[in-house]
Each structure stands twice: as C-alpha cells, then as structure tokens.
Amino acid sequence: MKKVRYGMVGGGLGSYIGDVHRHGAMMDDLAVLCAGCFSRHQEKNLETADAWEIPQDRVYSNYQEMADKESCREDGIDFVTIATPNSSHYEIAKYFMERNIHVLCDKPVTMTVAQAEELKKISEERSLLFAVPYAYTAYPAIRQARQMIEEGVIGKLIYLRAGHPEDWVISSVPEEPSGKLPWRFNPEMAGESLCSADLGTHAEQLVEQFTGLTIKRLLAVFNTWPDYLPLETNVTALLDLGDGVTGELWASQIAIGKECSPFIYVVGSKGALEWNHETPSILKYTPNNEPTRLLSAGRDYMTKESNSMVRVSAAHHEGYFEAFGNIYRPFCQNLLALKEGKPYQGLPYPSIQEGLNGMKFVHACVESNRRGSVWVDL
C-alpha cells in the first residue's frame, strides 16, 4: 500500500491532542510518522522519539531546522501536523509551506483573520494541501445529514441551533485567583478569544459541514466566569445564514453537567435533523407530523458516502480517534493523488478555507460583544 510520510511539531509524550493526531493518522495505514520536533525541551523531544521509534537523526530541536532539513531529503516528509499552542500555528505553517511541505494544523489556525488569509493565499499559490481537523464534523452521521439536506429530504431550511458546551473551566479553575493559569487563558498565546476560538469554532463548523451553509452575520454576547479571567468562557450568538435561515449558537466552558457535548438541530419545511456527540452514531430524523426515526451509522439504509466512513459494524460505536481518522484519511488520499498527478475523487475534509471561516467567526464574536452585542458581518 502506498503511504505518505509526515512529521509532527508539538504533541510529544503527555500531550493529549498529540496522541489523538497520531492515532488518527495511523487509523487507515496511509501515513507514517518519520520525523518531529515534539517539544521545546530536548530531553522530552528525544524521549518521545524513542517511544515512537523515530530515528535520532530526524528529531529536531526546532521547527525551522526540521522544515529546512526535511525539505532537502529525498525521503523527506510530505506533510507536517502542527499540534502546538494557538500563537505559534501561523509562523510554523507558513515556514513549512514556504518549503513546499503540506500542512495539517490544529484550530484555530491563526491568531488573526489576516494571518489565515495569508496562509490560504500561500496554499493556493503553491498548490499545497492544508487540512484543519474539525473532528466533530467527521462522524458518518454528519455526512448522512449533509446529503439528506442537499437532496431536499427536510425541505427548505428555516432554522438551526448548534452548540458545544463543556464544563472544564467551572470544574477546574478556582473562583478566586490562585497560581499560574494554563496557556489557554493567556491572550498572548490564545488570541483575542477563549471560548469562541476553543469551542465556538467547532459549533460553527458543525453548522457548515452539516448544512452546507456559512454564517453571513452574527450578534454575540460573552460571559466570563470566574470574572478575573481575561477572556470569555461562555458565548451566545444569534446567526443569520442568508436566504431567510436564522439560528443560534452556544459555546460554553462553564456548562455544568456537560463534559463534551457538541450538538446541532436543523429545522426544514418538511422535517428536522438532530445530532448530539453524546450519541455520535445516531442521526435523528423527524418528518413533519410523523414519528422520529433514529438512523444508525453503518446500516444499509445509510448513504454510500456515510458508510464509507464507518470502521466498525452497525450498533458498535465509533469514537474520537476514528473521527480524527476521517480527517486524515481523505487528506492523505488527496496527497497521494496529488503526488501521482491524478484528480482527487474522495470525500471532502475541512481545509484552510474552513480555518479562515473559523477565524472570521471568532473575530465577529469578539467585535460584536465589544460593540455592545450588535450584528457584525463575516
């Protein structure tokens, strides 16, 4: 089987998201981890390489050295996975792309809209692939919903509600200041937003991938708890998606009782569709004035595209690693096709365009709240 070679910046031993990336990449045996700069601390860097069987001569002390040397090797990496704090995404992605190395970068892809626009421009000018792992959009049930909407099963879209509530801030951050906070609370490393960027972008992408619509304008209100934090921990937004479709989006890090609960509910003139991460293999379909039907991933009645994303038999639940795999698989397949000069005919995946959309969403939320919760165009 033909495979692509990749390296990783960040994500060393002890990193949750780095481990998720690695398992997602190996899910379909299409990518081989060959190189890395896994940590700023060389001891941990080497320890990670040893654990993952990376040759010592392909373990780098910084990302610049990695990009420079890998781009000159005949067996150099085809793409890099960037699993570092937000503030470094732009400079790392730009450096690798300037050496003609494809990129898969965690969200938010940059700190500003302008930076995301520049990465998109470089990607297009150099014909480089750029993927963003919005993994909650990569479940088979989401693909099923998108096709049903495109085929008009629920009629003309009227309204939607989407969200990503969690409770990690209110359950782990003290009510009064006490010691040093993690980097996510530092505007210099996280950017101008905490909750909108961290969780709101996932909900924004659920809207886009589920329906095919993009947000045209929004009105946002922020809450911050504890109030000494410099960035918001709860976001409520009204959405205008054009053509008479409206909605609401809620992202929260203070939602007691919600561990990780992305959801979306879409109403059309002929019916409704609903999905919740707590039961990710089930898509609820309710035709107007009829009983609700539970569509289960992997069953014969699901679409071909949806079932192509399923790795276990029906009624066996797939999880987060598999969702990441559903980002890596089409990305790697696209890259293999590109290397062979063939057209890519596989499933879509979130690209730098979706990363740019996410940054526009974050900036609009921040600007709307700053101006007293007014409508802001994206």
Protein backbone atom coordinates (compact mmCIF):
# COMPACT_ATOMS: atom_id res chain seq x y z
CA MET A 1 0.00 0.00 0.00
CA LYS A 2 1.29 3.44 -0.89
CA LYS A 3 1.77 5.75 2.09
CA VAL A 4 2.70 9.34 2.79
CA ARG A 5 5.38 10.43 5.24
CA TYR A 6 4.65 13.02 7.90
CA GLY A 7 6.25 14.81 10.79
CA MET A 8 4.83 16.46 13.87
CA VAL A 9 5.57 19.74 15.60
CA GLY A 10 4.41 19.62 19.21
CA GLY A 11 2.28 16.80 20.54
CA GLY A 12 5.02 14.97 22.46
CA LEU A 13 4.57 12.42 25.24
CA GLY A 14 1.97 13.62 27.74
CA SER A 15 0.13 15.71 25.14
CA TYR A 16 -3.48 14.61 24.78
CA ILE A 17 -4.02 16.09 21.33
CA GLY A 18 -0.69 14.82 20.00
CA ASP A 19 -1.70 11.26 20.86
CA VAL A 20 -5.08 11.79 19.17
CA HIS A 21 -3.37 13.03 16.00
CA ARG A 22 -1.01 10.06 15.94
CA HIS A 23 -3.81 7.52 16.32
CA GLY A 24 -5.95 9.31 13.75
CA ALA A 25 -3.09 9.31 11.24
CA MET A 26 -2.42 5.60 11.67
CA MET A 27 -6.11 4.61 11.52
CA ASP A 28 -6.07 3.64 7.83
CA ASP A 29 -2.37 2.84 7.49
CA LEU A 30 -1.87 5.63 4.95
CA ALA A 31 0.65 7.77 6.85
CA VAL A 32 3.96 7.01 8.56
CA LEU A 33 5.38 9.29 11.27
CA CYS A 34 9.01 9.83 10.25
CA ALA A 35 10.22 13.00 11.95
CA GLY A 36 9.39 15.53 14.59
CA CYS A 37 10.10 18.41 16.87
CA PHE A 38 7.80 17.19 19.61
CA SER A 39 8.82 19.53 22.41
CA ARG A 40 10.88 22.64 23.14
CA HIS A 41 12.64 20.55 25.80
CA GLN A 42 15.18 18.31 24.10
CA GLU A 43 15.02 15.59 26.76
CA LYS A 44 11.27 15.18 26.21
CA ASN A 45 11.78 15.51 22.48
CA LEU A 46 14.19 12.56 22.43
CA GLU A 47 12.07 10.58 24.86
CA THR A 48 9.07 10.94 22.55
CA ALA A 49 11.10 9.93 19.50
CA ASP A 50 12.38 6.85 21.30
CA ALA A 51 8.86 5.83 22.37
CA TRP A 52 7.54 6.26 18.83
CA GLU A 53 10.60 4.73 17.13
CA ILE A 54 11.65 7.88 15.26
CA PRO A 55 15.32 7.84 14.13
CA GLN A 56 17.51 10.18 16.15
CA ASP A 57 18.72 11.99 13.03
CA ARG A 58 15.13 13.03 12.30
CA VAL A 59 14.44 14.51 15.72
CA TYR A 60 14.89 18.28 15.56
CA SER A 61 15.47 20.90 18.21
CA ASN A 62 13.22 23.47 16.47
CA TYR A 63 10.67 23.55 13.67
CA GLN A 64 12.86 25.68 11.39
CA GLU A 65 15.62 23.06 11.40
CA MET A 66 13.00 20.37 10.78
CA ALA A 67 11.45 22.11 7.79
CA ASP A 68 14.82 23.04 6.27
CA LYS A 69 16.33 19.55 6.52
CA GLU A 70 13.21 17.55 5.69
CA SER A 71 12.54 19.62 2.57
CA CYS A 72 16.01 18.68 1.28
CA ARG A 73 15.76 14.92 1.88
CA GLU A 74 14.73 12.55 -0.89
CA ASP A 75 12.69 10.69 1.72
CA GLY A 76 11.54 13.89 3.47
CA ILE A 77 8.10 14.32 4.95
CA ASP A 78 5.14 15.03 2.68
CA PHE A 79 3.20 16.94 5.33
CA VAL A 80 3.51 18.24 8.85
CA THR A 81 0.99 18.02 11.67
CA ILE A 82 1.02 21.12 13.89
CA ALA A 83 -0.15 20.42 17.44
CA THR A 84 1.15 23.46 19.34
CA PRO A 85 -0.48 26.41 21.17
CA ASN A 86 -2.52 28.82 19.03
CA SER A 87 0.04 31.62 18.91
CA SER A 88 2.59 29.50 17.01
CA HIS A 89 0.31 28.00 14.33
CA TYR A 90 0.73 30.76 11.77
CA GLU A 91 4.51 31.02 11.84
CA ILE A 92 5.02 27.24 11.78
CA ALA A 93 2.52 26.60 8.98
CA LYS A 94 3.95 29.46 6.90
CA TYR A 95 7.52 28.25 7.33
CA PHE A 96 6.71 24.69 6.22
CA MET A 97 4.59 25.82 3.26
CA GLU A 98 7.39 28.11 2.09
CA ARG A 99 9.44 24.90 1.81
CA ASN A 100 6.64 23.22 -0.14
CA ILE A 101 5.52 20.92 2.66
CA HIS A 102 1.78 20.30 3.02
CA VAL A 103 0.13 21.13 6.36
CA LEU A 104 -2.44 19.74 8.76
CA CYS A 105 -2.89 22.27 11.56
CA ASP A 106 -4.98 22.35 14.71
CA LYS A 107 -7.60 25.06 15.05
CA PRO A 108 -7.75 27.97 15.40
CA VAL A 109 -5.28 28.06 12.53
CA THR A 110 -4.00 31.56 13.37
CA MET A 111 -4.40 34.46 15.77
CA THR A 112 -5.97 36.82 13.23
CA VAL A 113 -8.10 36.80 10.08
CA ALA A 114 -5.28 38.42 8.10
CA GLN A 115 -2.88 35.62 9.03
CA ALA A 116 -5.40 32.97 7.94
CA GLU A 117 -5.93 34.79 4.65
CA GLU A 118 -2.18 34.79 4.05
CA LEU A 119 -1.92 31.04 4.70
CA LYS A 120 -4.78 30.44 2.28
CA LYS A 121 -3.01 32.54 -0.35
CA ILE A 122 0.27 30.63 0.07
CA SER A 123 -1.60 27.32 -0.07
CA GLU A 124 -3.27 28.28 -3.34
CA GLU A 125 -0.18 29.82 -4.95
CA ARG A 126 1.96 26.77 -4.19
CA SER A 127 -0.80 24.15 -4.74
CA LEU A 128 -0.31 22.86 -1.21
CA LEU A 129 -2.92 20.98 0.78
CA PHE A 130 -3.93 22.40 4.14
CA ALA A 131 -6.29 20.49 6.43
CA VAL A 132 -7.87 21.58 9.71
CA PRO A 133 -9.05 18.73 11.98
CA TYR A 134 -12.54 19.80 12.97
CA ALA A 135 -13.08 16.21 14.03
CA TYR A 136 -16.62 16.59 15.39
CA THR A 137 -17.74 17.14 11.81
CA ALA A 138 -16.17 13.86 10.65
CA TYR A 139 -18.66 11.35 12.04
CA PRO A 140 -20.62 9.28 9.48
CA ALA A 141 -23.92 10.68 10.79
CA ILE A 142 -22.83 14.22 9.86
CA ARG A 143 -22.11 13.17 6.29
CA GLN A 144 -25.52 11.45 6.17
CA ALA A 145 -27.27 14.64 7.31
CA ARG A 146 -25.45 16.77 4.72
CA GLN A 147 -26.58 14.51 1.88
CA MET A 148 -30.15 14.39 3.13
CA ILE A 149 -30.26 18.19 3.29
CA GLU A 150 -28.72 18.53 -0.19
CA GLU A 151 -31.30 16.07 -1.57
CA GLY A 152 -34.14 18.12 -0.07
CA VAL A 153 -35.31 15.43 2.35
CA ILE A 154 -36.22 18.00 5.03
CA GLY A 155 -37.22 20.70 2.54
CA LYS A 156 -36.17 24.32 2.68
CA LEU A 157 -34.07 25.12 5.73
CA ILE A 158 -35.69 27.53 8.16
CA TYR A 159 -33.85 27.49 11.47
CA LEU A 160 -30.99 25.78 13.29
CA ARG A 161 -29.49 25.58 16.74
CA ALA A 162 -25.91 24.41 17.33
CA GLY A 163 -23.55 24.37 20.25
CA HIS A 164 -20.54 22.99 22.03
CA PRO A 165 -20.98 23.08 25.82
CA GLU A 166 -18.38 21.75 28.27
CA ASP A 167 -17.77 22.26 31.99
CA TRP A 168 -13.99 22.14 32.18
CA VAL A 169 -13.41 25.75 33.32
CA ILE A 170 -16.05 25.85 36.04
CA SER A 171 -14.98 22.43 37.31
CA SER A 172 -11.24 23.09 37.36
CA VAL A 173 -10.50 26.84 37.70
CA PRO A 174 -10.69 28.31 41.24
CA GLU A 175 -13.25 31.05 41.85
CA GLU A 176 -10.50 33.34 43.19
CA PRO A 177 -7.06 33.84 41.59
CA SER A 178 -4.68 31.10 42.68
CA GLY A 179 -1.36 30.49 40.96
CA LYS A 180 -0.43 30.37 37.30
CA LEU A 181 -3.13 29.60 34.73
CA PRO A 182 -2.71 27.35 31.64
CA TRP A 183 -1.70 28.97 28.33
CA ARG A 184 -5.28 28.91 27.02
CA PHE A 185 -6.13 31.80 29.37
CA ASN A 186 -3.27 33.96 28.15
CA PRO A 187 -4.34 36.31 25.30
CA GLU A 188 -0.75 36.43 24.04
CA MET A 189 -0.86 32.68 23.37
CA ALA A 190 -4.58 32.00 22.87
CA GLY A 191 -5.54 35.12 20.92
CA GLU A 192 -8.44 37.52 21.36
CA SER A 193 -10.88 34.81 22.44
CA LEU A 194 -11.02 31.75 24.66
CA CYS A 195 -14.42 30.11 24.29
CA SER A 196 -15.31 31.34 20.78
CA ALA A 197 -11.99 30.07 19.44
CA ASP A 198 -11.69 26.91 21.52
CA LEU A 199 -15.26 25.58 21.28
CA GLY A 200 -17.31 28.04 19.23
CA THR A 201 -15.35 27.24 16.07
CA HIS A 202 -16.34 23.59 16.45
CA ALA A 203 -20.01 24.58 16.58
CA GLU A 204 -19.52 26.95 13.64
CA GLN A 205 -18.04 24.11 11.61
CA LEU A 206 -20.86 21.77 12.63
CA VAL A 207 -23.24 24.29 11.07
CA GLU A 208 -21.21 24.47 7.86
CA GLN A 209 -20.50 20.76 7.44
CA PHE A 210 -23.99 19.63 8.48
CA THR A 211 -25.91 22.07 6.28
CA GLY A 212 -23.53 23.45 3.65
CA LEU A 213 -24.40 26.98 4.81
CA THR A 214 -21.98 29.58 6.12
CA ILE A 215 -22.73 32.30 8.66
CA LYS A 216 -23.31 35.68 6.99
CA ARG A 217 -23.54 37.78 10.14
CA LEU A 218 -23.95 37.30 13.88
CA LEU A 219 -24.75 39.00 17.17
CA ALA A 220 -22.80 37.73 20.17
CA VAL A 221 -22.88 38.11 23.94
CA PHE A 222 -19.97 36.99 26.16
CA ASN A 223 -19.90 35.87 29.78
CA THR A 224 -16.74 35.31 31.80
CA TRP A 225 -16.55 33.14 34.89
CA PRO A 226 -14.57 33.47 37.07
CA ASP A 227 -14.62 37.18 36.31
CA TYR A 228 -10.86 37.62 36.87
CA LEU A 229 -10.12 35.65 33.69
CA PRO A 230 -9.00 37.85 30.78
CA LEU A 231 -11.07 36.01 28.15
CA GLU A 232 -14.66 34.82 27.83
CA THR A 233 -15.85 31.38 28.96
CA ASN A 234 -19.41 31.45 27.57
CA VAL A 235 -20.72 32.66 24.20
CA THR A 236 -24.30 33.08 22.98
CA ALA A 237 -24.78 34.14 19.36
CA LEU A 238 -27.69 34.79 17.03
CA LEU A 239 -26.94 33.74 13.46
CA ASP A 240 -28.03 34.92 10.04
CA LEU A 241 -27.17 32.32 7.38
CA GLY A 242 -28.85 34.08 4.47
CA ASP A 243 -31.95 33.22 2.42
CA GLY A 244 -34.16 33.57 5.47
CA VAL A 245 -32.33 30.92 7.52
CA THR A 246 -31.63 32.01 11.10
CA GLY A 247 -30.25 30.26 14.14
CA GLU A 248 -28.44 30.38 17.44
CA LEU A 249 -25.07 29.10 18.62
CA TRP A 250 -23.97 28.42 22.18
CA ALA A 251 -20.44 27.58 23.25
CA SER A 252 -19.57 27.21 26.90
CA GLN A 253 -16.80 26.12 29.22
CA ILE A 254 -19.00 26.60 32.29
CA ALA A 255 -21.87 24.26 31.33
CA ILE A 256 -22.15 22.15 34.46
CA GLY A 257 -23.08 18.57 33.61
CA LYS A 258 -21.75 18.77 30.05
CA GLU A 259 -18.40 17.03 29.58
CA CYS A 260 -18.10 17.35 25.79
CA SER A 261 -21.47 17.80 24.13
CA PRO A 262 -21.41 19.32 20.62
CA PHE A 263 -24.88 19.24 19.05
CA ILE A 264 -26.89 20.53 16.12
CA TYR A 265 -30.63 20.67 15.37
CA VAL A 266 -31.88 21.80 11.95
CA VAL A 267 -35.49 22.54 11.02
CA GLY A 268 -36.70 22.41 7.42
CA SER A 269 -40.11 22.85 5.83
CA LYS A 270 -40.57 19.06 5.56
CA GLY A 271 -38.79 17.79 8.66
CA ALA A 272 -35.90 18.09 11.08
CA LEU A 273 -32.50 16.51 11.70
CA GLU A 274 -30.67 16.35 15.02
CA TRP A 275 -27.26 15.07 16.14
CA ASN A 276 -25.51 15.02 19.50
CA HIS A 277 -21.94 13.98 20.27
CA GLU A 278 -23.16 12.03 23.28
CA THR A 279 -24.70 9.53 20.81
CA PRO A 280 -22.47 10.15 17.78
CA SER A 281 -23.59 7.15 15.72
CA ILE A 282 -27.25 8.24 15.72
CA LEU A 283 -28.91 10.82 13.48
CA LYS A 284 -32.46 11.75 14.49
CA TYR A 285 -34.75 12.34 11.53
CA THR A 286 -38.30 13.59 12.10
CA PRO A 287 -40.52 14.07 9.04
CA ASN A 288 -43.18 16.73 9.59
CA ASN A 289 -46.10 15.34 11.63
CA GLU A 290 -44.54 11.85 11.80
CA PRO A 291 -42.69 9.87 14.48
CA THR A 292 -38.95 10.42 14.96
CA ARG A 293 -36.67 7.91 13.27
CA LEU A 294 -33.24 7.01 14.61
CA LEU A 295 -30.79 6.46 11.76
CA SER A 296 -27.82 4.36 12.84
CA ALA A 297 -24.39 4.66 11.24
CA GLY A 298 -23.32 1.61 9.28
CA ARG A 299 -26.78 0.35 8.39
CA ASP A 300 -27.67 -0.48 4.78
CA TYR A 301 -30.20 2.36 4.59
CA MET A 302 -27.50 4.96 5.16
CA THR A 303 -25.83 6.59 2.14
CA LYS A 304 -22.74 5.18 0.47
CA GLU A 305 -20.64 8.20 1.48
CA SER A 306 -21.72 7.93 5.11
CA ASN A 307 -20.95 4.21 5.26
CA SER A 308 -17.55 4.73 3.65
CA MET A 309 -16.56 6.49 6.89
CA VAL A 310 -17.61 3.60 9.15
CA ARG A 311 -14.92 1.28 10.53
CA VAL A 312 -17.00 -0.97 12.79
CA SER A 313 -20.22 -2.89 12.24
CA ALA A 314 -23.57 -1.23 12.90
CA ALA A 315 -24.51 -0.78 16.59
CA HIS A 316 -20.84 -0.64 17.62
CA HIS A 317 -20.00 2.94 18.49
CA GLU A 318 -17.09 4.73 16.90
CA GLY A 319 -15.26 7.48 18.71
CA TYR A 320 -12.93 10.46 18.61
CA PHE A 321 -9.87 8.65 17.21
CA GLU A 322 -11.99 7.41 14.31
CA ALA A 323 -13.33 10.92 13.69
CA PHE A 324 -9.75 12.21 13.50
CA GLY A 325 -9.02 9.31 11.16
CA ASN A 326 -11.85 10.55 8.96
CA ILE A 327 -9.92 13.81 8.55
CA TYR A 328 -6.54 12.18 7.98
CA ARG A 329 -7.80 9.56 5.50
CA PRO A 330 -9.15 11.89 2.78
CA PHE A 331 -6.26 14.31 3.37
CA CYS A 332 -3.72 11.51 2.81
CA GLN A 333 -5.69 10.15 -0.15
CA ASN A 334 -5.74 13.63 -1.68
CA LEU A 335 -2.00 13.96 -1.11
CA LEU A 336 -1.30 10.56 -2.72
CA ALA A 337 -3.40 11.53 -5.74
CA LEU A 338 -1.55 14.84 -5.99
CA LYS A 339 1.84 13.09 -5.91
CA GLU A 340 0.72 10.75 -8.69
CA GLY A 341 -0.75 13.56 -10.80
CA LYS A 342 -4.25 12.15 -10.53
CA PRO A 343 -7.50 14.01 -9.74
CA TYR A 344 -8.77 13.57 -6.21
CA GLN A 345 -12.22 11.96 -6.11
CA GLY A 346 -12.61 11.16 -2.42
CA LEU A 347 -14.55 12.72 0.42
CA PRO A 348 -14.10 16.39 1.34
CA TYR A 349 -12.39 17.49 4.55
CA PRO A 350 -12.03 20.85 6.34
CA SER A 351 -9.36 22.93 4.61
CA ILE A 352 -7.68 26.28 5.15
CA GLN A 353 -10.92 27.86 3.86
CA GLU A 354 -12.76 26.40 6.83
CA GLY A 355 -9.91 27.53 9.05
CA LEU A 356 -10.32 31.06 7.67
CA ASN A 357 -14.08 30.87 8.22
CA GLY A 358 -13.39 29.94 11.83
CA MET A 359 -11.16 32.97 12.34
CA LYS A 360 -13.80 35.25 10.81
CA PHE A 361 -16.35 33.74 13.20
CA VAL A 362 -14.11 34.34 16.23
CA HIS A 363 -13.34 37.93 15.23
CA ALA A 364 -17.02 38.67 14.57
CA CYS A 365 -18.00 37.32 18.00
CA VAL A 366 -15.34 39.40 19.74
CA GLU A 367 -16.25 42.53 17.76
CA SER A 368 -19.99 42.10 18.31
CA ASN A 369 -19.56 41.70 22.06
CA ARG A 370 -17.11 44.62 22.24
CA ARG A 371 -19.58 46.92 20.49
CA GLY A 372 -22.43 46.10 22.85
CA SER A 373 -23.75 42.97 21.10
CA VAL A 374 -24.62 44.30 17.65
CA TRP A 375 -24.86 42.50 14.32
CA VAL A 376 -21.45 42.05 12.65
CA ASP A 377 -20.87 40.79 9.10
CA LEU A 378 -18.49 37.93 8.45
